[in-house]
């Protein structure tokens, strides 16, 4: 655990040395939220204020955007030879990967705070108890952890940081092809089935239900997040052993 925390501190310092990438990861979700609310919100009739509807989806998009950074930094470590140095210092592979994931969680917490502050400034008004707010945050952090471990697996799988960055692009498709920005019922029939049976929709609906009231498919959201997390940790460990054998 101490090694993982040290590795997380290292990853955060590396992020601070690349302020352009850090600002992009922090500001991109905010910009997307403003675009959706003010450019497209007036054309979307969902029976409620669009800013209230879209904020949970933007919070999910924060996790996906942060996952791209995790994939790139893991790939850079594997390609740069620093892993051999860590192994000579008896730092385990899981500690290195856990450090990247912990740093991703902390970056996403900062991004979530920023997005929420801007959302409140433009009219977002959650009406939830303290317990519901805590539950929504817990589901979001579990999703961030799952996506971050999946991104770490991508970073181990590819050989170039550019490829690692683009490899996680498909994760953004899952966010867009879900109920994050528009109701699933408004989609074409061939896309509706996919949107209903992929992880972004139940996670978004759970966060939205906890913050604003309504249906909360908590079991489905936890099952998706837990399954992705376990599979990603196992795959990441196997890929790390394979790359460093």
C-alpha atoms as a PDB file:
ATOM      1  CA  UNK A   1       0.000   0.000   0.000  1.00  0.00           C
ATOM      2  CA  UNK A   2       2.816   2.422   0.834  1.00  0.00           C
ATOM      3  CA  UNK A   3       4.465   1.685  -2.523  1.00  0.00           C
ATOM      4  CA  UNK A   4       1.183   2.357  -4.327  1.00  0.00           C
ATOM      5  CA  UNK A   5       0.768   5.700  -2.549  1.00  0.00           C
ATOM      6  CA  UNK A   6       4.331   6.682  -3.436  1.00  0.00           C
ATOM      7  CA  UNK A   7       3.667   5.741  -7.063  1.00  0.00           C
ATOM      8  CA  UNK A   8       0.441   7.777  -6.976  1.00  0.00           C
ATOM      9  CA  UNK A   9       2.377  10.807  -5.731  1.00  0.00           C
ATOM     10  CA  UNK A  10       4.849  10.325  -8.566  1.00  0.00           C
ATOM     11  CA  UNK A  11       2.030  10.191 -11.128  1.00  0.00           C
ATOM     12  CA  UNK A  12       0.490  13.386  -9.748  1.00  0.00           C
ATOM     13  CA  UNK A  13       3.848  15.160  -9.967  1.00  0.00           C
ATOM     14  CA  UNK A  14       4.181  14.008 -13.574  1.00  0.00           C
ATOM     15  CA  UNK A  15       0.725  15.424 -14.281  1.00  0.00           C
ATOM     16  CA  UNK A  16       1.740  18.740 -12.720  1.00  0.00           C
ATOM     17  CA  UNK A  17       4.742  18.869 -15.064  1.00  0.00           C
ATOM     18  CA  UNK A  18       2.379  18.689 -18.038  1.00  0.00           C
ATOM     19  CA  UNK A  19      -0.078  21.494 -17.257  1.00  0.00           C
ATOM     20  CA  UNK A  20      -1.483  21.561 -20.806  1.00  0.00           C
ATOM     21  CA  UNK A  21      -2.652  17.963 -20.616  1.00  0.00           C
ATOM     22  CA  UNK A  22      -3.936  18.455 -17.061  1.00  0.00           C
ATOM     23  CA  UNK A  23      -5.924  21.551 -18.006  1.00  0.00           C
ATOM     24  CA  UNK A  24      -7.374  19.753 -21.020  1.00  0.00           C
ATOM     25  CA  UNK A  25      -8.522  16.847 -18.844  1.00  0.00           C
ATOM     26  CA  UNK A  26     -10.083  19.267 -16.343  1.00  0.00           C
ATOM     27  CA  UNK A  27     -11.667  21.730 -18.741  1.00  0.00           C
ATOM     28  CA  UNK A  28     -12.857  19.472 -21.575  1.00  0.00           C
ATOM     29  CA  UNK A  29     -15.838  18.048 -19.619  1.00  0.00           C
ATOM     30  CA  UNK A  30     -16.803  21.579 -18.549  1.00  0.00           C
ATOM     31  CA  UNK A  31     -16.683  22.810 -22.137  1.00  0.00           C
ATOM     32  CA  UNK A  32     -18.742  19.848 -23.336  1.00  0.00           C
ATOM     33  CA  UNK A  33     -21.349  20.476 -20.653  1.00  0.00           C
ATOM     34  CA  UNK A  34     -21.646  24.137 -21.627  1.00  0.00           C
ATOM     35  CA  UNK A  35     -21.929  23.186 -25.308  1.00  0.00           C
ATOM     36  CA  UNK A  36     -24.654  20.620 -24.659  1.00  0.00           C
ATOM     37  CA  UNK A  37     -26.628  22.866 -22.297  1.00  0.00           C
ATOM     38  CA  UNK A  38     -26.541  26.095 -24.303  1.00  0.00           C
ATOM     39  CA  UNK A  39     -26.265  24.881 -27.906  1.00  0.00           C
ATOM     40  CA  UNK A  40     -28.313  21.672 -27.884  1.00  0.00           C
ATOM     41  CA  UNK A  41     -30.370  21.920 -24.693  1.00  0.00           C
ATOM     42  CA  UNK A  42     -33.054  24.099 -26.257  1.00  0.00           C
ATOM     43  CA  UNK A  43     -33.678  21.521 -28.978  1.00  0.00           C
ATOM     44  CA  UNK A  44     -33.993  18.560 -26.602  1.00  0.00           C
ATOM     45  CA  UNK A  45     -37.419  18.064 -25.023  1.00  0.00           C
ATOM     46  CA  UNK A  46     -37.146  15.534 -22.203  1.00  0.00           C
ATOM     47  CA  UNK A  47     -39.769  16.899 -19.836  1.00  0.00           C
ATOM     48  CA  UNK A  48     -37.277  18.451 -17.432  1.00  0.00           C
ATOM     49  CA  UNK A  49     -34.499  21.017 -17.469  1.00  0.00           C
ATOM     50  CA  UNK A  50     -31.721  19.772 -19.698  1.00  0.00           C
ATOM     51  CA  UNK A  51     -28.948  20.957 -17.370  1.00  0.00           C
ATOM     52  CA  UNK A  52     -30.292  18.656 -14.647  1.00  0.00           C
ATOM     53  CA  UNK A  53     -30.484  15.773 -17.097  1.00  0.00           C
ATOM     54  CA  UNK A  54     -27.036  16.153 -18.650  1.00  0.00           C
ATOM     55  CA  UNK A  55     -24.805  16.732 -15.602  1.00  0.00           C
ATOM     56  CA  UNK A  56     -24.671  13.019 -14.536  1.00  0.00           C
ATOM     57  CA  UNK A  57     -23.618  12.128 -18.081  1.00  0.00           C
ATOM     58  CA  UNK A  58     -20.880  14.760 -18.039  1.00  0.00           C
ATOM     59  CA  UNK A  59     -19.580  13.366 -14.748  1.00  0.00           C
ATOM     60  CA  UNK A  60     -19.269  10.003 -16.467  1.00  0.00           C
ATOM     61  CA  UNK A  61     -17.450  11.656 -19.347  1.00  0.00           C
ATOM     62  CA  UNK A  62     -14.940  13.048 -16.829  1.00  0.00           C
ATOM     63  CA  UNK A  63     -13.985   9.500 -15.897  1.00  0.00           C
ATOM     64  CA  UNK A  64     -13.493   8.503 -19.532  1.00  0.00           C
ATOM     65  CA  UNK A  65     -11.390  11.597 -20.261  1.00  0.00           C
ATOM     66  CA  UNK A  66      -9.200  10.921 -17.242  1.00  0.00           C
ATOM     67  CA  UNK A  67      -8.776   7.293 -18.294  1.00  0.00           C
ATOM     68  CA  UNK A  68      -6.984   8.434 -21.443  1.00  0.00           C
ATOM     69  CA  UNK A  69      -4.299  10.070 -19.300  1.00  0.00           C
ATOM     70  CA  UNK A  70      -3.891   6.860 -17.314  1.00  0.00           C
ATOM     71  CA  UNK A  71      -3.397   4.802 -20.479  1.00  0.00           C
ATOM     72  CA  UNK A  72      -0.763   7.222 -21.776  1.00  0.00           C
ATOM     73  CA  UNK A  73       1.250   7.390 -18.542  1.00  0.00           C
ATOM     74  CA  UNK A  74       1.254   3.598 -18.133  1.00  0.00           C
ATOM     75  CA  UNK A  75       2.442   3.191 -21.729  1.00  0.00           C
ATOM     76  CA  UNK A  76       5.165   5.803 -21.205  1.00  0.00           C
ATOM     77  CA  UNK A  77       6.434   3.957 -18.144  1.00  0.00           C
ATOM     78  CA  UNK A  78       6.582   0.671 -20.037  1.00  0.00           C
ATOM     79  CA  UNK A  79       8.340   2.219 -23.040  1.00  0.00           C
ATOM     80  CA  UNK A  80      10.754   4.405 -21.091  1.00  0.00           C
ATOM     81  CA  UNK A  81      12.578   1.767 -19.060  1.00  0.00           C
ATOM     82  CA  UNK A  82      11.596   3.165 -15.661  1.00  0.00           C
ATOM     83  CA  UNK A  83       9.891  -0.135 -14.809  1.00  0.00           C
ATOM     84  CA  UNK A  84      13.286  -1.878 -14.747  1.00  0.00           C
ATOM     85  CA  UNK A  85      14.459   0.724 -12.238  1.00  0.00           C
ATOM     86  CA  UNK A  86      11.414   0.141 -10.071  1.00  0.00           C
ATOM     87  CA  UNK A  87      11.942  -3.624 -10.166  1.00  0.00           C
ATOM     88  CA  UNK A  88      15.544  -3.180  -9.044  1.00  0.00           C
ATOM     89  CA  UNK A  89      14.159  -1.260  -6.057  1.00  0.00           C
ATOM     90  CA  UNK A  90      11.785  -4.151  -5.295  1.00  0.00           C
ATOM     91  CA  UNK A  91       8.670  -2.186  -6.237  1.00  0.00           C
ATOM     92  CA  UNK A  92       5.979  -4.616  -7.364  1.00  0.00           C
ATOM     93  CA  UNK A  93       4.076  -4.304 -10.612  1.00  0.00           C
ATOM     94  CA  UNK A  94       0.666  -4.107  -8.916  1.00  0.00           C
ATOM     95  CA  UNK A  95       1.930  -1.179  -6.822  1.00  0.00           C
ATOM     96  CA  UNK A  96       2.995   0.700  -9.954  1.00  0.00           C
ATOM     97  CA  UNK A  97      -0.354   0.143 -11.649  1.00  0.00           C
ATOM     98  CA  UNK A  98      -2.298   0.897  -8.474  1.00  0.00           C
ATOM     99  CA  UNK A  99      -0.389   4.178  -8.229  1.00  0.00           C
ATOM    100  CA  UNK A 100      -1.566   5.165 -11.698  1.00  0.00           C
ATOM    101  CA  UNK A 101      -5.158   4.254 -10.840  1.00  0.00           C
ATOM    102  CA  UNK A 102      -5.036   6.143  -7.521  1.00  0.00           C
ATOM    103  CA  UNK A 103      -3.718   9.222  -9.302  1.00  0.00           C
ATOM    104  CA  UNK A 104      -6.547   8.868 -11.821  1.00  0.00           C
ATOM    105  CA  UNK A 105      -9.081   8.770  -8.977  1.00  0.00           C
ATOM    106  CA  UNK A 106      -7.645  11.960  -7.464  1.00  0.00           C
ATOM    107  CA  UNK A 107      -7.587  13.757 -10.813  1.00  0.00           C
ATOM    108  CA  UNK A 108     -11.194  12.742 -11.403  1.00  0.00           C
ATOM    109  CA  UNK A 109     -12.224  14.004  -7.975  1.00  0.00           C
ATOM    110  CA  UNK A 110     -10.790  17.407  -8.907  1.00  0.00           C
ATOM    111  CA  UNK A 111     -12.524  17.303 -12.294  1.00  0.00           C
ATOM    112  CA  UNK A 112     -15.826  16.277 -10.676  1.00  0.00           C
ATOM    113  CA  UNK A 113     -15.639  19.160  -8.197  1.00  0.00           C
ATOM    114  CA  UNK A 114     -14.940  21.614 -11.029  1.00  0.00           C
ATOM    115  CA  UNK A 115     -17.750  20.282 -13.227  1.00  0.00           C
ATOM    116  CA  UNK A 116     -20.211  20.296 -10.330  1.00  0.00           C
ATOM    117  CA  UNK A 117     -19.301  23.869  -9.375  1.00  0.00           C
ATOM    118  CA  UNK A 118     -19.804  25.095 -12.941  1.00  0.00           C
ATOM    119  CA  UNK A 119     -23.037  23.079 -13.235  1.00  0.00           C
ATOM    120  CA  UNK A 120     -24.446  24.695 -10.101  1.00  0.00           C
ATOM    121  CA  UNK A 121     -23.418  28.057 -11.523  1.00  0.00           C
ATOM    122  CA  UNK A 122     -25.455  27.480 -14.697  1.00  0.00           C
ATOM    123  CA  UNK A 123     -28.527  26.162 -12.905  1.00  0.00           C
ATOM    124  CA  UNK A 124     -28.002  22.540 -11.824  1.00  0.00           C
ATOM    125  CA  UNK A 125     -29.983  21.908  -8.651  1.00  0.00           C
ATOM    126  CA  UNK A 126     -29.788  18.376  -7.186  1.00  0.00           C
ATOM    127  CA  UNK A 127     -32.385  17.563  -4.557  1.00  0.00           C
ATOM    128  CA  UNK A 128     -30.928  14.615  -2.698  1.00  0.00           C
ATOM    129  CA  UNK A 129     -30.154  13.723   0.887  1.00  0.00           C
ATOM    130  CA  UNK A 130     -26.616  13.454   2.194  1.00  0.00           C
ATOM    131  CA  UNK A 131     -26.855   9.670   1.945  1.00  0.00           C
ATOM    132  CA  UNK A 132     -27.933   9.824  -1.698  1.00  0.00           C
ATOM    133  CA  UNK A 133     -25.121  12.246  -2.509  1.00  0.00           C
ATOM    134  CA  UNK A 134     -22.606   9.922  -0.872  1.00  0.00           C
ATOM    135  CA  UNK A 135     -24.029   6.931  -2.748  1.00  0.00           C
ATOM    136  CA  UNK A 136     -23.823   8.787  -6.073  1.00  0.00           C
ATOM    137  CA  UNK A 137     -20.205   9.708  -5.374  1.00  0.00           C
ATOM    138  CA  UNK A 138     -19.433   6.105  -4.432  1.00  0.00           C
ATOM    139  CA  UNK A 139     -20.911   4.759  -7.690  1.00  0.00           C
ATOM    140  CA  UNK A 140     -19.005   7.376  -9.679  1.00  0.00           C
ATOM    141  CA  UNK A 141     -15.695   6.535  -7.980  1.00  0.00           C
ATOM    142  CA  UNK A 142     -16.263   2.823  -8.544  1.00  0.00           C
ATOM    143  CA  UNK A 143     -16.834   3.537 -12.237  1.00  0.00           C
ATOM    144  CA  UNK A 144     -13.682   5.692 -12.324  1.00  0.00           C
ATOM    145  CA  UNK A 145     -11.663   2.881 -10.739  1.00  0.00           C
ATOM    146  CA  UNK A 146     -13.027   0.336 -13.217  1.00  0.00           C
ATOM    147  CA  UNK A 147     -12.363   2.536 -16.252  1.00  0.00           C
ATOM    148  CA  UNK A 148      -8.905   3.512 -14.949  1.00  0.00           C
ATOM    149  CA  UNK A 149      -7.849  -0.131 -14.561  1.00  0.00           C
ATOM    150  CA  UNK A 150      -9.207  -0.815 -18.043  1.00  0.00           C
ATOM    151  CA  UNK A 151      -7.153   2.112 -19.357  1.00  0.00           C
ATOM    152  CA  UNK A 152      -4.081   0.731 -17.590  1.00  0.00           C
ATOM    153  CA  UNK A 153      -4.622  -2.531 -19.463  1.00  0.00           C
ATOM    154  CA  UNK A 154      -4.752  -0.579 -22.729  1.00  0.00           C
ATOM    155  CA  UNK A 155      -1.528   1.178 -21.801  1.00  0.00           C
ATOM    156  CA  UNK A 156       0.150  -2.187 -21.249  1.00  0.00           C
ATOM    157  CA  UNK A 157      -1.242  -3.619 -24.458  1.00  0.00           C
ATOM    158  CA  UNK A 158       0.040  -0.976 -26.894  1.00  0.00           C
ATOM    159  CA  UNK A 159       3.624   0.125 -27.499  1.00  0.00           C
ATOM    160  CA  UNK A 160       3.264   3.863 -28.197  1.00  0.00           C
ATOM    161  CA  UNK A 161       1.686   6.602 -26.050  1.00  0.00           C
ATOM    162  CA  UNK A 162      -0.167   7.950 -29.096  1.00  0.00           C
ATOM    163  CA  UNK A 163      -1.815   4.573 -29.574  1.00  0.00           C
ATOM    164  CA  UNK A 164      -2.690   4.426 -25.871  1.00  0.00           C
ATOM    165  CA  UNK A 165      -4.455   7.778 -26.117  1.00  0.00           C
ATOM    166  CA  UNK A 166      -6.513   6.751 -29.131  1.00  0.00           C
ATOM    167  CA  UNK A 167      -7.226   3.264 -27.785  1.00  0.00           C
ATOM    168  CA  UNK A 168      -9.503   4.664 -25.086  1.00  0.00           C
ATOM    169  CA  UNK A 169     -11.459   6.752 -27.581  1.00  0.00           C
ATOM    170  CA  UNK A 170     -14.011   3.991 -27.952  1.00  0.00           C
ATOM    171  CA  UNK A 171     -14.887   4.440 -24.267  1.00  0.00           C
ATOM    172  CA  UNK A 172     -16.268   7.854 -25.134  1.00  0.00           C
ATOM    173  CA  UNK A 173     -18.559   6.182 -27.659  1.00  0.00           C
ATOM    174  CA  UNK A 174     -20.133   4.214 -24.820  1.00  0.00           C
ATOM    175  CA  UNK A 175     -20.912   7.477 -23.045  1.00  0.00           C
ATOM    176  CA  UNK A 176     -22.448   9.100 -26.110  1.00  0.00           C
ATOM    177  CA  UNK A 177     -24.422   5.983 -27.097  1.00  0.00           C
ATOM    178  CA  UNK A 178     -26.173   5.848 -23.730  1.00  0.00           C
ATOM    179  CA  UNK A 179     -28.716   7.809 -21.728  1.00  0.00           C
ATOM    180  CA  UNK A 180     -26.008  10.286 -20.690  1.00  0.00           C
ATOM    181  CA  UNK A 181     -27.128  13.039 -23.068  1.00  0.00           C
ATOM    182  CA  UNK A 182     -30.473  11.964 -24.499  1.00  0.00           C
ATOM    183  CA  UNK A 183     -33.111   9.444 -23.367  1.00  0.00           C
ATOM    184  CA  UNK A 184     -32.645   5.972 -24.819  1.00  0.00           C
ATOM    185  CA  UNK A 185     -36.258   5.945 -26.043  1.00  0.00           C
ATOM    186  CA  UNK A 186     -35.435   8.688 -28.562  1.00  0.00           C
ATOM    187  CA  UNK A 187     -32.779   6.592 -30.319  1.00  0.00           C
ATOM    188  CA  UNK A 188     -33.309   4.423 -33.431  1.00  0.00           C
ATOM    189  CA  UNK A 189     -34.389   0.882 -32.628  1.00  0.00           C
ATOM    190  CA  UNK A 190     -31.061  -0.639 -33.734  1.00  0.00           C
ATOM    191  CA  UNK A 191     -29.129   1.626 -31.350  1.00  0.00           C
ATOM    192  CA  UNK A 192     -31.658   1.485 -28.516  1.00  0.00           C
ATOM    193  CA  UNK A 193     -30.882  -2.135 -27.677  1.00  0.00           C
ATOM    194  CA  UNK A 194     -27.165  -1.456 -27.472  1.00  0.00           C
ATOM    195  CA  UNK A 195     -27.673   1.671 -25.356  1.00  0.00           C
ATOM    196  CA  UNK A 196     -29.832  -0.218 -22.868  1.00  0.00           C
ATOM    197  CA  UNK A 197     -27.379  -3.084 -22.422  1.00  0.00           C
ATOM    198  CA  UNK A 198     -24.016  -1.408 -21.927  1.00  0.00           C
ATOM    199  CA  UNK A 199     -22.406  -0.088 -18.716  1.00  0.00           C
ATOM    200  CA  UNK A 200     -22.709   3.670 -19.247  1.00  0.00           C
ATOM    201  CA  UNK A 201     -26.516   3.690 -19.197  1.00  0.00           C
ATOM    202  CA  UNK A 202     -27.162   1.997 -15.815  1.00  0.00           C
ATOM    203  CA  UNK A 203     -24.305   3.935 -14.190  1.00  0.00           C
ATOM    204  CA  UNK A 204     -25.642   7.239 -15.523  1.00  0.00           C
ATOM    205  CA  UNK A 205     -29.218   6.392 -14.547  1.00  0.00           C
ATOM    206  CA  UNK A 206     -28.091   5.402 -11.053  1.00  0.00           C
ATOM    207  CA  UNK A 207     -26.226   8.670 -10.496  1.00  0.00           C
ATOM    208  CA  UNK A 208     -29.118  10.651 -12.003  1.00  0.00           C
ATOM    209  CA  UNK A 209     -31.679   8.857  -9.847  1.00  0.00           C
ATOM    210  CA  UNK A 210     -29.665   9.373  -6.671  1.00  0.00           C
ATOM    211  CA  UNK A 211     -29.130  13.087  -7.370  1.00  0.00           C
ATOM    212  CA  UNK A 212     -32.517  14.006  -8.827  1.00  0.00           C
ATOM    213  CA  UNK A 213     -34.899  11.239  -7.809  1.00  0.00           C
ATOM    214  CA  UNK A 214     -36.410   8.537  -9.957  1.00  0.00           C
ATOM    215  CA  UNK A 215     -35.446   4.968 -10.800  1.00  0.00           C
ATOM    216  CA  UNK A 216     -32.076   3.784  -9.467  1.00  0.00           C
ATOM    217  CA  UNK A 217     -30.757   0.622 -11.229  1.00  0.00           C
ATOM    218  CA  UNK A 218     -28.073   0.256  -8.574  1.00  0.00           C
ATOM    219  CA  UNK A 219     -27.667  -3.505  -8.917  1.00  0.00           C
ATOM    220  CA  UNK A 220     -26.999  -3.311 -12.639  1.00  0.00           C
ATOM    221  CA  UNK A 221     -24.562  -0.416 -12.214  1.00  0.00           C
ATOM    222  CA  UNK A 222     -22.605  -2.197  -9.481  1.00  0.00           C
ATOM    223  CA  UNK A 223     -22.524  -5.424 -11.491  1.00  0.00           C
ATOM    224  CA  UNK A 224     -21.110  -3.671 -14.561  1.00  0.00           C
ATOM    225  CA  UNK A 225     -18.552  -1.676 -12.581  1.00  0.00           C
ATOM    226  CA  UNK A 226     -17.498  -4.658 -10.472  1.00  0.00           C
ATOM    227  CA  UNK A 227     -17.192  -6.933 -13.493  1.00  0.00           C
ATOM    228  CA  UNK A 228     -15.097  -4.429 -15.459  1.00  0.00           C
ATOM    229  CA  UNK A 229     -12.928  -3.745 -12.410  1.00  0.00           C
ATOM    230  CA  UNK A 230     -12.158  -7.393 -11.651  1.00  0.00           C
ATOM    231  CA  UNK A 231     -11.541  -8.287 -15.300  1.00  0.00           C
ATOM    232  CA  UNK A 232      -9.322  -5.231 -15.833  1.00  0.00           C
ATOM    233  CA  UNK A 233      -7.207  -5.910 -12.737  1.00  0.00           C
ATOM    234  CA  UNK A 234      -6.648  -9.530 -13.787  1.00  0.00           C
ATOM    235  CA  UNK A 235      -5.827  -8.584 -17.379  1.00  0.00           C
ATOM    236  CA  UNK A 236      -3.514  -5.769 -16.271  1.00  0.00           C
ATOM    237  CA  UNK A 237      -1.589  -8.079 -13.946  1.00  0.00           C
ATOM    238  CA  UNK A 238      -1.204 -10.673 -16.715  1.00  0.00           C
ATOM    239  CA  UNK A 239      -0.083  -8.095 -19.275  1.00  0.00           C
ATOM    240  CA  UNK A 240       2.415  -6.568 -16.845  1.00  0.00           C
ATOM    241  CA  UNK A 241       3.991  -9.949 -16.137  1.00  0.00           C
ATOM    242  CA  UNK A 242       4.110 -10.656 -19.863  1.00  0.00           C
ATOM    243  CA  UNK A 243       5.745  -7.301 -20.687  1.00  0.00           C
ATOM    244  CA  UNK A 244       8.332  -7.561 -17.917  1.00  0.00           C
ATOM    245  CA  UNK A 245       9.144 -11.284 -18.177  1.00  0.00           C
END
